[in-house]
Amino acid sequence: MSDLLKKGFHLGLGAAISGKERFEKMVNEMVKRGEISPSQAKTMVNNWMNHWISKGQSKDKEWNEQAKARFQDQMKELGFVSKEEYEKLEARIERLENLHGR
């Protein structure tokens, strides 16, 4: 992994951990002030964690789809055909061969 990618990954991870810690601190302060119960705090933290995980998974899926599309574009630029295009051509050749009795 390149140094720039590592730094970017670590930056994102650090920001996520920092945000989580600040959120948990805020919730703990609310419990201390009696604004919410410990069980409500636990539910609140779990709900947000699930939300953040879901957002991360969604972004990961989006990035993977973008990377796949860029890769496919690069392969087309290099003159490669997709599996679907290959199979269509193969079926067409087979039909032509059958038409001409081969």
PDB file of N, CA and C in Angstrom:
ATOM      1  N   MET A   1       0.856  -1.178   0.000  1.00  0.00           N
ATOM      2  CA  MET A   1       0.000   0.000   0.000  1.00  0.00           C
ATOM      3  C   MET A   1       0.898   1.235   0.000  1.00  0.00           C
ATOM      4  N   SER A   2       0.592   2.196  -0.829  1.00  0.00           N
ATOM      5  CA  SER A   2       1.423   3.396  -0.901  1.00  0.00           C
ATOM      6  C   SER A   2       1.308   4.198   0.391  1.00  0.00           C
ATOM      7  N   ASP A   3       2.329   5.004   0.645  1.00  0.00           N
ATOM      8  CA  ASP A   3       2.367   5.802   1.866  1.00  0.00           C
ATOM      9  C   ASP A   3       1.174   6.759   1.937  1.00  0.00           C
ATOM     10  N   LEU A   4       0.809   7.340   0.803  1.00  0.00           N
ATOM     11  CA  LEU A   4      -0.325   8.261   0.767  1.00  0.00           C
ATOM     12  C   LEU A   4      -1.628   7.543   1.130  1.00  0.00           C
ATOM     13  N   LEU A   5      -1.815   6.335   0.596  1.00  0.00           N
ATOM     14  CA  LEU A   5      -3.019   5.572   0.927  1.00  0.00           C
ATOM     15  C   LEU A   5      -3.048   5.214   2.407  1.00  0.00           C
ATOM     16  N   LYS A   6      -1.900   4.817   2.949  1.00  0.00           N
ATOM     17  CA  LYS A   6      -1.834   4.489   4.372  1.00  0.00           C
ATOM     18  C   LYS A   6      -2.197   5.696   5.220  1.00  0.00           C
ATOM     19  N   LYS A   7      -1.646   6.852   4.863  1.00  0.00           N
ATOM     20  CA  LYS A   7      -1.945   8.064   5.625  1.00  0.00           C
ATOM     21  C   LYS A   7      -3.431   8.407   5.539  1.00  0.00           C
ATOM     22  N   GLY A   8      -4.007   8.277   4.355  1.00  0.00           N
ATOM     23  CA  GLY A   8      -5.431   8.544   4.186  1.00  0.00           C
ATOM     24  C   GLY A   8      -6.282   7.597   5.011  1.00  0.00           C
ATOM     25  N   PHE A   9      -5.918   6.320   5.001  1.00  0.00           N
ATOM     26  CA  PHE A   9      -6.648   5.319   5.780  1.00  0.00           C
ATOM     27  C   PHE A   9      -6.551   5.642   7.264  1.00  0.00           C
ATOM     28  N   HIS A  10      -5.340   5.938   7.724  1.00  0.00           N
ATOM     29  CA  HIS A  10      -5.142   6.241   9.143  1.00  0.00           C
ATOM     30  C   HIS A  10      -5.867   7.522   9.546  1.00  0.00           C
ATOM     31  N   LEU A  11      -5.893   8.506   8.662  1.00  0.00           N
ATOM     32  CA  LEU A  11      -6.624   9.739   8.932  1.00  0.00           C
ATOM     33  C   LEU A  11      -8.111   9.442   9.119  1.00  0.00           C
ATOM     34  N   GLY A  12      -8.669   8.673   8.212  1.00  0.00           N
ATOM     35  CA  GLY A  12     -10.090   8.318   8.309  1.00  0.00           C
ATOM     36  C   GLY A  12     -10.396   7.518   9.553  1.00  0.00           C
ATOM     37  N   LEU A  13      -9.535   6.571   9.864  1.00  0.00           N
ATOM     38  CA  LEU A  13      -9.731   5.744  11.050  1.00  0.00           C
ATOM     39  C   LEU A  13      -9.639   6.596  12.311  1.00  0.00           C
ATOM     40  N   GLY A  14      -8.657   7.481  12.360  1.00  0.00           N
ATOM     41  CA  GLY A  14      -8.510   8.362  13.515  1.00  0.00           C
ATOM     42  C   GLY A  14      -9.718   9.272  13.690  1.00  0.00           C
ATOM     43  N   ALA A  15     -10.224   9.809  12.595  1.00  0.00           N
ATOM     44  CA  ALA A  15     -11.401  10.682  12.657  1.00  0.00           C
ATOM     45  C   ALA A  15     -12.619   9.903  13.148  1.00  0.00           C
ATOM     46  N   ALA A  16     -12.765   8.688  12.676  1.00  0.00           N
ATOM     47  CA  ALA A  16     -13.902   7.861  13.103  1.00  0.00           C
ATOM     48  C   ALA A  16     -13.822   7.554  14.592  1.00  0.00           C
ATOM     49  N   ILE A  17     -12.638   7.187  15.057  1.00  0.00           N
ATOM     50  CA  ILE A  17     -12.470   6.865  16.474  1.00  0.00           C
ATOM     51  C   ILE A  17     -12.701   8.106  17.330  1.00  0.00           C
ATOM     52  N   SER A  18     -12.179   9.235  16.895  1.00  0.00           N
ATOM     53  CA  SER A  18     -12.354  10.487  17.623  1.00  0.00           C
ATOM     54  C   SER A  18     -13.833  10.856  17.715  1.00  0.00           C
ATOM     55  N   GLY A  19     -14.546  10.728  16.610  1.00  0.00           N
ATOM     56  CA  GLY A  19     -15.973  11.024  16.604  1.00  0.00           C
ATOM     57  C   GLY A  19     -16.745  10.098  17.523  1.00  0.00           C
ATOM     58  N   LYS A  20     -16.404   8.832  17.510  1.00  0.00           N
ATOM     59  CA  LYS A  20     -17.067   7.849  18.374  1.00  0.00           C
ATOM     60  C   LYS A  20     -16.814   8.187  19.834  1.00  0.00           C
ATOM     61  N   GLU A  21     -15.569   8.522  20.168  1.00  0.00           N
ATOM     62  CA  GLU A  21     -15.237   8.849  21.556  1.00  0.00           C
ATOM     63  C   GLU A  21     -15.990  10.090  22.021  1.00  0.00           C
ATOM     64  N   ARG A  22     -16.065  11.120  21.168  1.00  0.00           N
ATOM     65  CA  ARG A  22     -16.795  12.338  21.535  1.00  0.00           C
ATOM     66  C   ARG A  22     -18.284  12.049  21.723  1.00  0.00           C
ATOM     67  N   PHE A  23     -18.843  11.203  20.853  1.00  0.00           N
ATOM     68  CA  PHE A  23     -20.259  10.850  20.970  1.00  0.00           C
ATOM     69  C   PHE A  23     -20.514  10.105  22.277  1.00  0.00           C
ATOM     70  N   GLU A  24     -19.646   9.125  22.582  1.00  0.00           N
ATOM     71  CA  GLU A  24     -19.811   8.365  23.828  1.00  0.00           C
ATOM     72  C   GLU A  24     -19.665   9.274  25.048  1.00  0.00           C
ATOM     73  N   LYS A  25     -18.745  10.219  25.000  1.00  0.00           N
ATOM     74  CA  LYS A  25     -18.558  11.166  26.106  1.00  0.00           C
ATOM     75  C   LYS A  25     -19.813  12.004  26.300  1.00  0.00           C
ATOM     76  N   MET A  26     -20.399  12.474  25.190  1.00  0.00           N
ATOM     77  CA  MET A  26     -21.615  13.273  25.260  1.00  0.00           C
ATOM     78  C   MET A  26     -22.754  12.462  25.889  1.00  0.00           C
ATOM     79  N   VAL A  27     -22.891  11.203  25.461  1.00  0.00           N
ATOM     80  CA  VAL A  27     -23.952  10.348  25.993  1.00  0.00           C
ATOM     81  C   VAL A  27     -23.726  10.089  27.476  1.00  0.00           C
ATOM     82  N   ASN A  28     -22.476   9.834  27.869  1.00  0.00           N
ATOM     83  CA  ASN A  28     -22.172   9.614  29.291  1.00  0.00           C
ATOM     84  C   ASN A  28     -22.493  10.846  30.132  1.00  0.00           C
ATOM     85  N   GLU A  29     -22.223  12.032  29.590  1.00  0.00           N
ATOM     86  CA  GLU A  29     -22.561  13.272  30.291  1.00  0.00           C
ATOM     87  C   GLU A  29     -24.081  13.388  30.458  1.00  0.00           C
ATOM     88  N   MET A  30     -24.836  12.993  29.447  1.00  0.00           N
ATOM     89  CA  MET A  30     -26.295  13.030  29.541  1.00  0.00           C
ATOM     90  C   MET A  30     -26.793  12.085  30.627  1.00  0.00           C
ATOM     91  N   VAL A  31     -26.136  10.927  30.761  1.00  0.00           N
ATOM     92  CA  VAL A  31     -26.504   9.976  31.813  1.00  0.00           C
ATOM     93  C   VAL A  31     -26.199  10.588  33.176  1.00  0.00           C
ATOM     94  N   LYS A  32     -25.031  11.201  33.326  1.00  0.00           N
ATOM     95  CA  LYS A  32     -24.636  11.824  34.608  1.00  0.00           C
ATOM     96  C   LYS A  32     -25.613  12.928  35.018  1.00  0.00           C
ATOM     97  N   ARG A  33     -26.111  13.698  34.043  1.00  0.00           N
ATOM     98  CA  ARG A  33     -27.050  14.779  34.330  1.00  0.00           C
ATOM     99  C   ARG A  33     -28.477  14.261  34.526  1.00  0.00           C
ATOM    100  N   GLY A  34     -28.681  12.971  34.292  1.00  0.00           N
ATOM    101  CA  GLY A  34     -29.995  12.381  34.471  1.00  0.00           C
ATOM    102  C   GLY A  34     -30.947  12.624  33.315  1.00  0.00           C
ATOM    103  N   GLU A  35     -30.415  13.052  32.210  1.00  0.00           N
ATOM    104  CA  GLU A  35     -31.264  13.329  31.043  1.00  0.00           C
ATOM    105  C   GLU A  35     -31.724  12.048  30.361  1.00  0.00           C
ATOM    106  N   ILE A  36     -30.897  11.010  30.432  1.00  0.00           N
ATOM    107  CA  ILE A  36     -31.252   9.690  29.879  1.00  0.00           C
ATOM    108  C   ILE A  36     -30.754   8.622  30.839  1.00  0.00           C
ATOM    109  N   SER A  37     -31.363   7.447  30.754  1.00  0.00           N
ATOM    110  CA  SER A  37     -30.953   6.321  31.604  1.00  0.00           C
ATOM    111  C   SER A  37     -29.772   5.590  30.962  1.00  0.00           C
ATOM    112  N   PRO A  38     -29.041   4.800  31.746  1.00  0.00           N
ATOM    113  CA  PRO A  38     -27.945   4.018  31.154  1.00  0.00           C
ATOM    114  C   PRO A  38     -28.414   3.098  30.031  1.00  0.00           C
ATOM    115  N   SER A  39     -29.606   2.528  30.174  1.00  0.00           N
ATOM    116  CA  SER A  39     -30.091   1.638  29.107  1.00  0.00           C
ATOM    117  C   SER A  39     -30.428   2.436  27.847  1.00  0.00           C
ATOM    118  N   GLN A  40     -30.964   3.651  28.035  1.00  0.00           N
ATOM    119  CA  GLN A  40     -31.224   4.507  26.874  1.00  0.00           C
ATOM    120  C   GLN A  40     -29.908   4.900  26.203  1.00  0.00           C
ATOM    121  N   ALA A  41     -28.903   5.163  27.028  1.00  0.00           N
ATOM    122  CA  ALA A  41     -27.590   5.527  26.491  1.00  0.00           C
ATOM    123  C   ALA A  41     -27.023   4.383  25.662  1.00  0.00           C
ATOM    124  N   LYS A  42     -27.140   3.175  26.187  1.00  0.00           N
ATOM    125  CA  LYS A  42     -26.625   2.002  25.475  1.00  0.00           C
ATOM    126  C   LYS A  42     -27.352   1.833  24.133  1.00  0.00           C
ATOM    127  N   THR A  43     -28.663   1.979  24.151  1.00  0.00           N
ATOM    128  CA  THR A  43     -29.450   1.868  22.930  1.00  0.00           C
ATOM    129  C   THR A  43     -29.051   2.956  21.939  1.00  0.00           C
ATOM    130  N   MET A  44     -28.866   4.164  22.464  1.00  0.00           N
ATOM    131  CA  MET A  44     -28.486   5.291  21.617  1.00  0.00           C
ATOM    132  C   MET A  44     -27.136   5.035  20.941  1.00  0.00           C
ATOM    133  N   VAL A  45     -26.161   4.572  21.713  1.00  0.00           N
ATOM    134  CA  VAL A  45     -24.829   4.284  21.161  1.00  0.00           C
ATOM    135  C   VAL A  45     -24.919   3.155  20.134  1.00  0.00           C
ATOM    136  N   ASN A  46     -25.656   2.102  20.451  1.00  0.00           N
ATOM    137  CA  ASN A  46     -25.800   0.976  19.513  1.00  0.00           C
ATOM    138  C   ASN A  46     -26.463   1.411  18.212  1.00  0.00           C
ATOM    139  N   ASN A  47     -27.512   2.238  18.325  1.00  0.00           N
ATOM    140  CA  ASN A  47     -28.198   2.719  17.115  1.00  0.00           C
ATOM    141  C   ASN A  47     -27.259   3.539  16.237  1.00  0.00           C
ATOM    142  N   TRP A  48     -26.486   4.422  16.856  1.00  0.00           N
ATOM    143  CA  TRP A  48     -25.548   5.235  16.079  1.00  0.00           C
ATOM    144  C   TRP A  48     -24.439   4.390  15.484  1.00  0.00           C
ATOM    145  N   MET A  49     -23.962   3.415  16.245  1.00  0.00           N
ATOM    146  CA  MET A  49     -22.912   2.532  15.719  1.00  0.00           C
ATOM    147  C   MET A  49     -23.431   1.789  14.492  1.00  0.00           C
ATOM    148  N   ASN A  50     -24.645   1.268  14.581  1.00  0.00           N
ATOM    149  CA  ASN A  50     -25.234   0.568  13.430  1.00  0.00           C
ATOM    150  C   ASN A  50     -25.397   1.516  12.248  1.00  0.00           C
ATOM    151  N   HIS A  51     -25.784   2.753  12.534  1.00  0.00           N
ATOM    152  CA  HIS A  51     -25.931   3.764  11.472  1.00  0.00           C
ATOM    153  C   HIS A  51     -24.581   4.025  10.806  1.00  0.00           C
ATOM    154  N   TRP A  52     -23.533   4.211  11.590  1.00  0.00           N
ATOM    155  CA  TRP A  52     -22.202   4.492  11.052  1.00  0.00           C
ATOM    156  C   TRP A  52     -21.661   3.305  10.258  1.00  0.00           C
ATOM    157  N   ILE A  53     -21.908   2.097  10.772  1.00  0.00           N
ATOM    158  CA  ILE A  53     -21.464   0.891  10.062  1.00  0.00           C
ATOM    159  C   ILE A  53     -22.182   0.792   8.715  1.00  0.00           C
ATOM    160  N   SER A  54     -23.482   1.034   8.732  1.00  0.00           N
ATOM    161  CA  SER A  54     -24.267   0.982   7.500  1.00  0.00           C
ATOM    162  C   SER A  54     -23.766   2.017   6.495  1.00  0.00           C
ATOM    163  N   LYS A  55     -23.465   3.215   6.974  1.00  0.00           N
ATOM    164  CA  LYS A  55     -22.943   4.260   6.095  1.00  0.00           C
ATOM    165  C   LYS A  55     -21.599   3.840   5.508  1.00  0.00           C
ATOM    166  N   GLY A  56     -20.750   3.249   6.331  1.00  0.00           N
ATOM    167  CA  GLY A  56     -19.450   2.786   5.854  1.00  0.00           C
ATOM    168  C   GLY A  56     -19.591   1.700   4.796  1.00  0.00           C
ATOM    169  N   GLN A  57     -20.494   0.764   5.029  1.00  0.00           N
ATOM    170  CA  GLN A  57     -20.717  -0.311   4.068  1.00  0.00           C
ATOM    171  C   GLN A  57     -21.257   0.240   2.754  1.00  0.00           C
ATOM    172  N   SER A  58     -22.151   1.214   2.858  1.00  0.00           N
ATOM    173  CA  SER A  58     -22.721   1.835   1.661  1.00  0.00           C
ATOM    174  C   SER A  58     -21.637   2.551   0.853  1.00  0.00           C
ATOM    175  N   LYS A  59     -20.772   3.285   1.530  1.00  0.00           N
ATOM    176  CA  LYS A  59     -19.697   4.002   0.856  1.00  0.00           C
ATOM    177  C   LYS A  59     -18.704   3.024   0.235  1.00  0.00           C
ATOM    178  N   ASP A  60     -18.414   1.929   0.950  1.00  0.00           N
ATOM    179  CA  ASP A  60     -17.509   0.905   0.423  1.00  0.00           C
ATOM    180  C   ASP A  60     -18.076   0.302  -0.857  1.00  0.00           C
ATOM    181  N   LYS A  61     -19.366   0.007  -0.845  1.00  0.00           N
ATOM    182  CA  LYS A  61     -20.021  -0.553  -2.037  1.00  0.00           C
ATOM    183  C   LYS A  61     -19.939   0.441  -3.198  1.00  0.00           C
ATOM    184  N   GLU A  62     -20.201   1.714  -2.899  1.00  0.00           N
ATOM    185  CA  GLU A  62     -20.152   2.753  -3.927  1.00  0.00           C
ATOM    186  C   GLU A  62     -18.749   2.846  -4.534  1.00  0.00           C
ATOM    187  N   TRP A  63     -17.726   2.852  -3.685  1.00  0.00           N
ATOM    188  CA  TRP A  63     -16.348   2.945  -4.170  1.00  0.00           C
ATOM    189  C   TRP A  63     -15.964   1.725  -4.994  1.00  0.00           C
ATOM    190  N   ASN A  64     -16.417   0.536  -4.567  1.00  0.00           N
ATOM    191  CA  ASN A  64     -16.129  -0.680  -5.328  1.00  0.00           C
ATOM    192  C   ASN A  64     -16.778  -0.634  -6.709  1.00  0.00           C
ATOM    193  N   GLU A  65     -18.008  -0.143  -6.768  1.00  0.00           N
ATOM    194  CA  GLU A  65     -18.700  -0.034  -8.056  1.00  0.00           C
ATOM    195  C   GLU A  65     -17.994   0.960  -8.973  1.00  0.00           C
ATOM    196  N   GLN A  66     -17.530   2.067  -8.393  1.00  0.00           N
ATOM    197  CA  GLN A  66     -16.804   3.059  -9.187  1.00  0.00           C
ATOM    198  C   GLN A  66     -15.487   2.485  -9.709  1.00  0.00           C
ATOM    199  N   ALA A  67     -14.787   1.748  -8.843  1.00  0.00           N
ATOM    200  CA  ALA A  67     -13.513   1.141  -9.258  1.00  0.00           C
ATOM    201  C   ALA A  67     -13.747   0.113 -10.360  1.00  0.00           C
ATOM    202  N   LYS A  68     -14.809  -0.668 -10.234  1.00  0.00           N
ATOM    203  CA  LYS A  68     -15.134  -1.676 -11.247  1.00  0.00           C
ATOM    204  C   LYS A  68     -15.448  -1.005 -12.583  1.00  0.00           C
ATOM    205  N   ALA A  69     -16.207   0.074 -12.537  1.00  0.00           N
ATOM    206  CA  ALA A  69     -16.557   0.797 -13.765  1.00  0.00           C
ATOM    207  C   ALA A  69     -15.303   1.379 -14.426  1.00  0.00           C
ATOM    208  N   ARG A  70     -14.400   1.948 -13.623  1.00  0.00           N
ATOM    209  CA  ARG A  70     -13.155   2.491 -14.189  1.00  0.00           C
ATOM    210  C   ARG A  70     -12.322   1.379 -14.816  1.00  0.00           C
ATOM    211  N   PHE A  71     -12.265   0.228 -14.153  1.00  0.00           N
ATOM    212  CA  PHE A  71     -11.506  -0.900 -14.685  1.00  0.00           C
ATOM    213  C   PHE A  71     -12.102  -1.367 -16.008  1.00  0.00           C
ATOM    214  N   GLN A  72     -13.419  -1.469 -16.067  1.00  0.00           N
ATOM    215  CA  GLN A  72     -14.075  -1.900 -17.302  1.00  0.00           C
ATOM    216  C   GLN A  72     -13.823  -0.901 -18.429  1.00  0.00           C
ATOM    217  N   ASP A  73     -13.856   0.384 -18.096  1.00  0.00           N
ATOM    218  CA  ASP A  73     -13.569   1.405 -19.108  1.00  0.00           C
ATOM    219  C   ASP A  73     -12.141   1.266 -19.632  1.00  0.00           C
ATOM    220  N   GLN A  74     -11.201   1.030 -18.729  1.00  0.00           N
ATOM    221  CA  GLN A  74      -9.802   0.866 -19.133  1.00  0.00           C
ATOM    222  C   GLN A  74      -9.638  -0.361 -20.019  1.00  0.00           C
ATOM    223  N   MET A  75     -10.316  -1.445 -19.688  1.00  0.00           N
ATOM    224  CA  MET A  75     -10.224  -2.667 -20.493  1.00  0.00           C
ATOM    225  C   MET A  75     -10.794  -2.422 -21.894  1.00  0.00           C
ATOM    226  N   LYS A  76     -11.895  -1.674 -21.989  1.00  0.00           N
ATOM    227  CA  LYS A  76     -12.466  -1.352 -23.300  1.00  0.00           C
ATOM    228  C   LYS A  76     -11.502  -0.497 -24.108  1.00  0.00           C
ATOM    229  N   GLU A  77     -10.862   0.477 -23.445  1.00  0.00           N
ATOM    230  CA  GLU A  77      -9.900   1.340 -24.136  1.00  0.00           C
ATOM    231  C   GLU A  77      -8.730   0.532 -24.686  1.00  0.00           C
ATOM    232  N   LEU A  78      -8.384  -0.557 -24.007  1.00  0.00           N
ATOM    233  CA  LEU A  78      -7.289  -1.411 -24.458  1.00  0.00           C
ATOM    234  C   LEU A  78      -7.731  -2.396 -25.539  1.00  0.00           C
ATOM    235  N   GLY A  79      -9.034  -2.428 -25.832  1.00  0.00           N
ATOM    236  CA  GLY A  79      -9.527  -3.278 -26.906  1.00  0.00           C
ATOM    237  C   GLY A  79     -10.067  -4.619 -26.461  1.00  0.00           C
ATOM    238  N   PHE A  80     -10.207  -4.831 -25.162  1.00  0.00           N
ATOM    239  CA  PHE A  80     -10.763  -6.084 -24.670  1.00  0.00           C
ATOM    240  C   PHE A  80     -12.285  -6.045 -24.747  1.00  0.00           C
ATOM    241  N   VAL A  81     -12.888  -7.205 -24.937  1.00  0.00           N
ATOM    242  CA  VAL A  81     -14.346  -7.289 -24.946  1.00  0.00           C
ATOM    243  C   VAL A  81     -14.803  -7.896 -23.625  1.00  0.00           C
ATOM    244  N   SER A  82     -16.042  -7.584 -23.260  1.00  0.00           N
ATOM    245  CA  SER A  82     -16.598  -8.142 -22.031  1.00  0.00           C
ATOM    246  C   SER A  82     -17.008  -9.593 -22.276  1.00  0.00           C
ATOM    247  N   LYS A  83     -17.240 -10.315 -21.213  1.00  0.00           N
ATOM    248  CA  LYS A  83     -17.683 -11.705 -21.324  1.00  0.00           C
ATOM    249  C   LYS A  83     -19.012 -11.766 -22.066  1.00  0.00           C
ATOM    250  N   GLU A  84     -19.880 -10.818 -21.768  1.00  0.00           N
ATOM    251  CA  GLU A  84     -21.189 -10.770 -22.422  1.00  0.00           C
ATOM    252  C   GLU A  84     -21.037 -10.557 -23.929  1.00  0.00           C
ATOM    253  N   GLU A  85     -20.154  -9.635 -24.328  1.00  0.00           N
ATOM    254  CA  GLU A  85     -19.923  -9.381 -25.757  1.00  0.00           C
ATOM    255  C   GLU A  85     -19.330 -10.616 -26.431  1.00  0.00           C
ATOM    256  N   TYR A  86     -18.414 -11.280 -25.747  1.00  0.00           N
ATOM    257  CA  TYR A  86     -17.786 -12.491 -26.276  1.00  0.00           C
ATOM    258  C   TYR A  86     -18.848 -13.575 -26.494  1.00  0.00           C
ATOM    259  N   GLU A  87     -19.710 -13.770 -25.507  1.00  0.00           N
ATOM    260  CA  GLU A  87     -20.741 -14.807 -25.611  1.00  0.00           C
ATOM    261  C   GLU A  87     -21.724 -14.506 -26.735  1.00  0.00           C
ATOM    262  N   LYS A  88     -22.053 -13.221 -26.950  1.00  0.00           N
ATOM    263  CA  LYS A  88     -22.939 -12.847 -28.050  1.00  0.00           C
ATOM    264  C   LYS A  88     -22.288 -13.172 -29.395  1.00  0.00           C
ATOM    265  N   LEU A  89     -21.010 -12.839 -29.516  1.00  0.00           N
ATOM    266  CA  LEU A  89     -20.298 -13.143 -30.758  1.00  0.00           C
ATOM    267  C   LEU A  89     -20.198 -14.648 -30.984  1.00  0.00           C
ATOM    268  N   GLU A  90     -19.939 -15.386 -29.921  1.00  0.00           N
ATOM    269  CA  GLU A  90     -19.840 -16.842 -30.022  1.00  0.00           C
ATOM    270  C   GLU A  90     -21.173 -17.432 -30.497  1.00  0.00           C
ATOM    271  N   ALA A  91     -22.281 -16.945 -29.926  1.00  0.00           N
ATOM    272  CA  ALA A  91     -23.604 -17.434 -30.324  1.00  0.00           C
ATOM    273  C   ALA A  91     -23.904 -17.061 -31.774  1.00  0.00           C
ATOM    274  N   ARG A  92     -23.488 -15.880 -32.181  1.00  0.00           N
ATOM    275  CA  ARG A  92     -23.705 -15.447 -33.562  1.00  0.00           C
ATOM    276  C   ARG A  92     -22.925 -16.324 -34.539  1.00  0.00           C
ATOM    277  N   ILE A  93     -21.683 -16.616 -34.209  1.00  0.00           N
ATOM    278  CA  ILE A  93     -20.860 -17.486 -35.058  1.00  0.00           C
ATOM    279  C   ILE A  93     -21.481 -18.868 -35.158  1.00  0.00           C
ATOM    280  N   GLU A  94     -21.962 -19.367 -34.028  1.00  0.00           N
ATOM    281  CA  GLU A  94     -22.584 -20.700 -34.025  1.00  0.00           C
ATOM    282  C   GLU A  94     -23.834 -20.709 -34.913  1.00  0.00           C
ATOM    283  N   ARG A  95     -24.657 -19.662 -34.831  1.00  0.00           N
ATOM    284  CA  ARG A  95     -25.848 -19.564 -35.692  1.00  0.00           C
ATOM    285  C   ARG A  95     -25.458 -19.514 -37.156  1.00  0.00           C
ATOM    286  N   LEU A  96     -24.428 -18.742 -37.499  1.00  0.00           N
ATOM    287  CA  LEU A  96     -23.974 -18.647 -38.892  1.00  0.00           C
ATOM    288  C   LEU A  96     -23.435 -19.984 -39.391  1.00  0.00           C
ATOM    289  N   GLU A  97     -22.682 -20.669 -38.532  1.00  0.00           N
ATOM    290  CA  GLU A  97     -22.154 -21.970 -38.925  1.00  0.00           C
ATOM    291  C   GLU A  97     -23.272 -22.979 -39.157  1.00  0.00           C
ATOM    292  N   ASN A  98     -24.294 -22.932 -38.312  1.00  0.00           N
ATOM    293  CA  ASN A  98     -25.438 -23.823 -38.482  1.00  0.00           C
ATOM    294  C   ASN A  98     -26.227 -23.491 -39.751  1.00  0.00           C
ATOM    295  N   LEU A  99     -26.293 -22.217 -40.068  1.00  0.00           N
ATOM    296  CA  LEU A  99     -26.979 -21.766 -41.273  1.00  0.00           C
ATOM    297  C   LEU A  99     -26.274 -22.278 -42.526  1.00  0.00           C
ATOM    298  N   HIS A 100     -24.976 -22.337 -42.482  1.00  0.00           N
ATOM    299  CA  HIS A 100     -24.197 -22.748 -43.637  1.00  0.00           C
ATOM    300  C   HIS A 100     -23.790 -24.220 -43.582  1.00  0.00           C
ATOM    301  N   GLY A 101     -24.357 -24.942 -42.658  1.00  0.00           N
ATOM    302  CA  GLY A 101     -24.159 -26.387 -42.611  1.00  0.00           C
ATOM    303  C   GLY A 101     -22.771 -26.847 -42.156  1.00  0.00           C
ATOM    304  N   ARG A 102     -22.138 -26.143 -41.309  1.00  0.00           N
ATOM    305  CA  ARG A 102     -20.798 -26.567 -40.836  1.00  0.00           C
ATOM    306  C   ARG A 102     -20.849 -27.230 -39.525  1.00  0.00           C
TER     307      ARG A 102
END
